[in-house]
C-alpha cells in the first residue's frame, strides 16, 4: 500500500488527493496502472458473482459489458441497482446503462436486435499511429497497416460496414506516412488443428531457466555498463520496475540459482526490501 501513495509538489506546496486519509491512488500512466486495474477488476467481479449468476460478462480495463437472457426490464434495472450498491461499498463509482439492445463497447458497435456489429470510434476521436519513419523495428512498422486492416475487418459484419469505416483509418495511416489501401478481409475460421492442446516438452523447465538466466545477464550488463545513460534518458524508473517484476517472478518459482544473481545481489535486496 505504501508504494501507491501519490504526492504532488509544486510552488513550494504539497498536494495530495482530496478526501483521502492514506494518500492511496493509482495515477494516470503509472508504471503498474494496468496491473492494478486488472486486480481490482477481478476482485470486484468475484464479488458480483452472486448477482450476475450465469450472465455473460466481458471486462476490459474500466469498461464492461453484460448480456442477460430472458430477463424483464424490471429485473435488469434491479440488477443495475444492486451492482451500483456493491461498487459503492468498495468506495467505487460506476455508470450502468440497462435495458438496451445496441451499445458501443471499446471500438465496436454491437446490436442484439439483429446480431450486427461494426467499427466504432468516439466522437471527435483522432486516430493516431506511430510515424513510418520512426526508429521502431522495421518488422513492427511493417505490421501496422496490416494489423489495422485485419482488426477493422474482424469487427465488421460485412463488406459494407468495413468500407463505411475504412476511410478514416486509411487517412490516419497516410498521415503517419503509410501508403496502404484498406481492403475487406473475410474472417477465416480458426483451424481446429491450431486449437489442439499441445503438451509442454519434458525439458521445458530447463529451457525456461536457461532463457531467464541469459535475460538476467542482459539486466546485469545494462546496470553495470549503461546505467548512467539510462539515467540521462530519465528511464531508470522503467528499468527498475521491469527488473523488479522479473526478479520477483524468478525468486517465486526458483528459476535462477542464487549464485547466478550475485552480480546484482545488492540491488535485488534493495528493491525487494530484504
Protein backbone atom coordinates (compact mmCIF):
# COMPACT_ATOMS: atom_id res chain seq x y z
CA UNK A 1 0.00 0.00 0.00
CA UNK A 2 2.92 2.33 0.72
CA UNK A 3 4.03 2.20 -2.94
CA UNK A 4 0.63 3.51 -4.06
CA UNK A 5 0.85 6.80 -2.15
CA UNK A 6 0.72 9.75 -4.53
CA UNK A 7 2.04 13.23 -3.70
CA UNK A 8 2.50 16.24 -5.98
CA UNK A 9 4.97 19.03 -5.22
CA UNK A 10 4.66 22.48 -6.81
CA UNK A 11 5.17 26.15 -5.94
CA UNK A 12 6.67 25.19 -2.56
CA UNK A 13 3.45 23.35 -1.67
CA UNK A 14 2.47 19.72 -1.19
CA UNK A 15 -0.69 18.47 -2.87
CA UNK A 16 -2.48 15.23 -2.08
CA UNK A 17 -5.65 13.60 -3.37
CA UNK A 18 -8.87 15.11 -1.99
CA UNK A 19 -10.90 13.18 0.58
CA UNK A 20 -8.09 10.71 1.19
CA UNK A 21 -6.56 9.91 4.57
CA UNK A 22 -3.94 7.43 3.35
CA UNK A 23 -2.97 9.07 0.00
CA UNK A 24 -3.74 5.81 -1.85
CA UNK A 25 -4.01 6.44 -5.58
CA UNK A 26 -3.41 4.90 -8.99
CA UNK A 27 -2.18 7.80 -11.05
CA UNK A 28 -2.70 8.05 -14.79
CA UNK A 29 0.12 6.39 -16.80
CA UNK A 30 1.63 4.85 -13.67
CA UNK A 31 4.05 2.02 -14.39
CA UNK A 32 1.76 -0.68 -13.00
CA UNK A 33 -1.61 1.01 -13.55
CA UNK A 34 -2.84 -1.73 -15.89
CA UNK A 35 -1.92 -4.49 -13.40
CA UNK A 36 -3.69 -2.67 -10.55
CA UNK A 37 -6.76 -2.24 -12.74
CA UNK A 38 -6.82 -5.97 -13.50
CA UNK A 39 -6.53 -6.89 -9.83
CA UNK A 40 -9.36 -4.56 -8.81
CA UNK A 41 -11.48 -5.76 -11.73
CA UNK A 42 -11.01 -9.43 -10.78
CA UNK A 43 -11.81 -8.72 -7.13
CA UNK A 44 -14.99 -6.78 -7.91
CA UNK A 45 -16.12 -9.35 -10.47
CA UNK A 46 -15.77 -12.13 -7.91
CA UNK A 47 -17.99 -10.11 -5.56
CA UNK A 48 -20.63 -9.77 -8.28
CA UNK A 49 -20.97 -13.50 -8.96
CA UNK A 50 -23.98 -13.93 -6.59
CA UNK A 51 -25.81 -11.20 -8.53
CA UNK A 52 -24.64 -11.93 -12.06
CA UNK A 53 -25.03 -15.69 -11.91
CA UNK A 54 -24.65 -17.10 -15.40
CA UNK A 55 -24.82 -13.68 -17.06
CA UNK A 56 -22.23 -13.34 -19.80
CA UNK A 57 -19.80 -10.57 -18.82
CA UNK A 58 -16.88 -9.04 -20.69
CA UNK A 59 -14.44 -6.66 -18.99
CA UNK A 60 -11.54 -4.63 -20.32
CA UNK A 61 -9.79 -2.15 -18.02
CA UNK A 62 -12.64 0.11 -16.81
CA UNK A 63 -15.23 -0.88 -19.43
CA UNK A 64 -17.69 -3.73 -19.01
CA UNK A 65 -20.46 -5.41 -20.98
CA UNK A 66 -23.08 -7.90 -19.77
CA UNK A 67 -25.67 -9.81 -21.80
CA UNK A 68 -28.75 -11.10 -20.00
CA UNK A 69 -31.13 -13.69 -21.41
CA UNK A 70 -34.86 -13.85 -20.66
CA UNK A 71 -34.83 -11.03 -18.09
CA UNK A 72 -37.56 -8.45 -17.81
CA UNK A 73 -36.72 -4.72 -17.87
CA UNK A 74 -37.59 -4.60 -14.16
CA UNK A 75 -35.16 -7.44 -13.35
CA UNK A 76 -32.41 -5.74 -15.34
CA UNK A 77 -32.91 -2.47 -13.52
CA UNK A 78 -32.89 -4.25 -10.16
CA UNK A 79 -29.57 -5.89 -11.06
CA UNK A 80 -28.20 -2.50 -12.12
CA UNK A 81 -29.03 -1.00 -8.72
CA UNK A 82 -27.53 -3.98 -6.86
CA UNK A 83 -24.27 -3.72 -8.82
CA UNK A 84 -24.04 0.01 -8.10
CA UNK A 85 -24.55 -0.70 -4.38
CA UNK A 86 -21.69 -3.20 -4.35
CA UNK A 87 -19.40 -0.70 -6.07
CA UNK A 88 -20.35 1.95 -3.53
CA UNK A 89 -19.49 -0.49 -0.73
CA UNK A 90 -15.94 -0.58 -2.14
CA UNK A 91 -15.91 3.23 -2.42
CA UNK A 92 -16.04 2.95 -6.22
CA UNK A 93 -18.32 4.63 -8.72
CA UNK A 94 -19.88 3.07 -11.80
CA UNK A 95 -22.28 4.17 -14.52
CA UNK A 96 -24.56 1.47 -15.95
CA UNK A 97 -26.96 1.56 -18.89
CA UNK A 98 -29.57 -1.17 -18.67
CA UNK A 99 -32.32 -2.46 -20.97
CA UNK A 100 -30.52 -1.53 -24.18
CA UNK A 101 -30.19 -3.66 -27.30
CA UNK A 102 -27.42 -1.73 -29.07
CA UNK A 103 -24.25 -0.43 -27.45
CA UNK A 104 -20.71 0.76 -28.14
CA UNK A 105 -18.06 -1.33 -26.41
CA UNK A 106 -14.44 -0.33 -26.92
CA UNK A 107 -14.08 0.00 -30.71
CA UNK A 108 -17.19 -1.97 -31.72
CA UNK A 109 -20.90 -1.18 -32.04
CA UNK A 110 -22.90 -4.28 -31.11
CA UNK A 111 -26.58 -4.95 -31.72
CA UNK A 112 -28.62 -7.72 -30.09
CA UNK A 113 -31.61 -6.92 -32.26
CA UNK A 114 -30.14 -8.24 -35.50
CA UNK A 115 -26.73 -9.60 -34.43
CA UNK A 116 -24.86 -6.93 -36.38
CA UNK A 117 -21.54 -5.37 -35.41
CA UNK A 118 -19.36 -2.67 -36.92
CA UNK A 119 -16.34 -0.46 -36.06
CA UNK A 120 -16.94 2.37 -33.59
CA UNK A 121 -14.93 5.47 -32.78
CA UNK A 122 -15.79 8.02 -30.11
CA UNK A 123 -16.95 11.45 -31.35
CA UNK A 124 -14.03 13.81 -32.03
CA UNK A 125 -11.61 10.91 -31.52
CA UNK A 126 -8.44 11.42 -33.57
CA UNK A 127 -6.80 8.29 -34.92
CA UNK A 128 -3.02 8.44 -34.46
CA UNK A 129 -0.37 5.88 -35.33
CA UNK A 130 3.40 5.94 -34.98
CA UNK A 131 5.15 7.51 -37.96
CA UNK A 132 6.50 5.22 -40.66
CA UNK A 133 9.90 6.96 -40.28
CA UNK A 134 10.19 6.30 -36.54
CA UNK A 135 13.01 4.26 -35.07
CA UNK A 136 10.77 1.31 -34.20
CA UNK A 137 11.96 -2.08 -35.52
CA UNK A 138 11.15 -2.42 -39.24
CA UNK A 139 9.07 -5.55 -38.73
CA UNK A 140 6.86 -3.63 -36.26
CA UNK A 141 6.33 -0.77 -38.71
CA UNK A 142 5.57 -3.22 -41.50
CA UNK A 143 2.83 -4.90 -39.46
CA UNK A 144 0.95 -1.71 -38.50
CA UNK A 145 -1.15 -1.26 -41.69
CA UNK A 146 -1.85 -4.99 -41.95
CA UNK A 147 -2.89 -5.31 -38.31
CA UNK A 148 -5.23 -2.32 -38.54
CA UNK A 149 -6.75 -3.69 -41.74
CA UNK A 150 -7.24 -7.06 -40.06
CA UNK A 151 -8.76 -5.55 -36.91
CA UNK A 152 -11.30 -3.44 -38.82
CA UNK A 153 -12.21 -6.47 -40.93
CA UNK A 154 -12.72 -8.63 -37.83
CA UNK A 155 -15.09 -6.15 -36.19
CA UNK A 156 -17.14 -5.62 -39.36
CA UNK A 157 -20.04 -7.95 -40.02
CA UNK A 158 -19.97 -7.19 -43.74
CA UNK A 159 -18.00 -5.51 -46.50
CA UNK A 160 -20.41 -2.56 -46.33
CA UNK A 161 -19.71 -1.97 -42.63
CA UNK A 162 -15.98 -2.21 -43.31
CA UNK A 163 -15.93 0.27 -46.19
CA UNK A 164 -18.06 2.71 -44.23
CA UNK A 165 -15.38 2.94 -41.52
CA UNK A 166 -12.24 2.32 -43.61
CA UNK A 167 -11.63 5.88 -44.98
CA UNK A 168 -10.87 7.33 -41.52
CA UNK A 169 -8.30 4.61 -40.77
CA UNK A 170 -6.79 4.85 -44.24
CA UNK A 171 -6.39 8.62 -43.85
CA UNK A 172 -4.79 8.21 -40.42
CA UNK A 173 -2.28 5.74 -41.88
CA UNK A 174 -1.47 8.18 -44.69
CA UNK A 175 -0.96 10.97 -42.15
CA UNK A 176 1.62 8.73 -40.47
CA UNK A 177 3.44 8.08 -43.74
CA UNK A 178 1.94 4.67 -44.62
CA UNK A 179 0.66 4.07 -48.14
CA UNK A 180 -1.98 1.39 -47.62
CA UNK A 181 -5.30 0.69 -49.30
CA UNK A 182 -7.81 -0.75 -46.82
CA UNK A 183 -9.38 -3.93 -48.17
CA UNK A 184 -12.04 -6.07 -46.52
CA UNK A 185 -10.80 -9.50 -45.45
CA UNK A 186 -13.36 -12.18 -44.75
CA UNK A 187 -12.55 -13.57 -41.27
CA UNK A 188 -11.24 -17.10 -41.59
CA UNK A 189 -12.42 -19.75 -39.12
CA UNK A 190 -9.69 -20.90 -36.81
CA UNK A 191 -8.24 -24.26 -37.67
CA UNK A 192 -9.14 -26.94 -35.15
CA UNK A 193 -5.61 -28.21 -35.60
CA UNK A 194 -4.23 -24.99 -34.14
CA UNK A 195 -6.60 -25.18 -31.19
CA UNK A 196 -5.40 -28.58 -30.07
CA UNK A 197 -3.66 -28.61 -26.72
CA UNK A 198 -0.02 -29.49 -27.14
CA UNK A 199 1.81 -30.67 -24.00
CA UNK A 200 4.90 -28.80 -22.86
CA UNK A 201 8.16 -30.52 -23.78
CA UNK A 202 9.71 -32.56 -20.98
CA UNK A 203 12.72 -30.24 -20.84
CA UNK A 204 10.58 -27.07 -20.74
CA UNK A 205 11.71 -26.06 -17.26
CA UNK A 206 15.37 -26.42 -18.23
CA UNK A 207 14.82 -24.31 -21.34
CA UNK A 208 12.91 -21.65 -19.35
CA UNK A 209 15.66 -21.46 -16.71
CA UNK A 210 18.31 -21.00 -19.41
CA UNK A 211 16.33 -18.22 -21.08
CA UNK A 212 15.75 -16.39 -17.79
CA UNK A 213 19.38 -16.78 -16.75
CA UNK A 214 20.51 -15.18 -20.01
CA UNK A 215 17.91 -12.44 -19.65
CA UNK A 216 19.25 -11.72 -16.15
CA UNK A 217 22.70 -11.27 -17.66
CA UNK A 218 21.24 -8.64 -20.00
CA UNK A 219 19.88 -6.76 -16.97
CA UNK A 220 23.28 -7.09 -15.23
CA UNK A 221 25.08 -5.72 -18.28
CA UNK A 222 22.71 -2.74 -18.51
CA UNK A 223 23.09 -1.90 -14.81
CA UNK A 224 26.88 -2.26 -14.78
CA UNK A 225 27.75 -0.76 -18.16
CA UNK A 226 24.91 1.51 -19.29
CA UNK A 227 23.05 2.71 -16.19
CA UNK A 228 24.34 6.28 -16.43
CA UNK A 229 22.97 6.51 -19.94
CA UNK A 230 19.62 5.15 -18.71
CA UNK A 231 19.59 7.85 -16.01
CA UNK A 232 20.46 10.52 -18.58
CA UNK A 233 17.41 9.45 -20.58
CA UNK A 234 15.24 9.55 -17.44
CA UNK A 235 14.26 5.89 -17.84
CA UNK A 236 15.69 4.42 -14.64
CA UNK A 237 12.23 4.05 -13.05
CA UNK A 238 11.06 1.94 -16.02
CA UNK A 239 14.19 -0.21 -15.83
CA UNK A 240 13.87 -0.72 -12.06
CA UNK A 241 10.17 -1.63 -12.33
CA UNK A 242 10.84 -4.10 -15.13
CA UNK A 243 13.71 -5.72 -13.26
CA UNK A 244 11.74 -5.85 -10.01
CA UNK A 245 8.87 -7.74 -11.66
CA UNK A 246 11.38 -10.05 -13.33
CA UNK A 247 13.28 -10.86 -10.15
CA UNK A 248 10.11 -11.42 -8.08
CA UNK A 249 8.91 -13.94 -10.67
CA UNK A 250 12.28 -15.68 -10.77
CA UNK A 251 12.51 -15.93 -6.98
CA UNK A 252 8.91 -17.06 -6.56
CA UNK A 253 9.50 -20.14 -8.74
CA UNK A 254 13.21 -20.60 -8.02
CA UNK A 255 14.21 -20.29 -11.69
CA UNK A 256 17.75 -18.94 -11.29
CA UNK A 257 20.38 -20.23 -8.86
CA UNK A 258 21.25 -17.72 -6.14
CA UNK A 259 24.92 -17.71 -7.14
CA UNK A 260 23.95 -16.55 -10.64
CA UNK A 261 22.27 -13.48 -9.09
CA UNK A 262 25.44 -12.33 -7.33
CA UNK A 263 26.30 -9.50 -9.80
CA UNK A 264 23.10 -7.66 -8.80
CA UNK A 265 22.51 -9.07 -5.32
CA UNK A 266 22.80 -5.68 -3.59
CA UNK A 267 20.25 -4.16 -5.97
CA UNK A 268 17.92 -7.14 -5.57
CA UNK A 269 17.98 -6.78 -1.78
CA UNK A 270 17.28 -3.07 -2.04
CA UNK A 271 14.38 -3.49 -4.47
CA UNK A 272 12.83 -6.38 -2.56
CA UNK A 273 13.27 -4.72 0.81
CA UNK A 274 15.27 -7.65 2.21
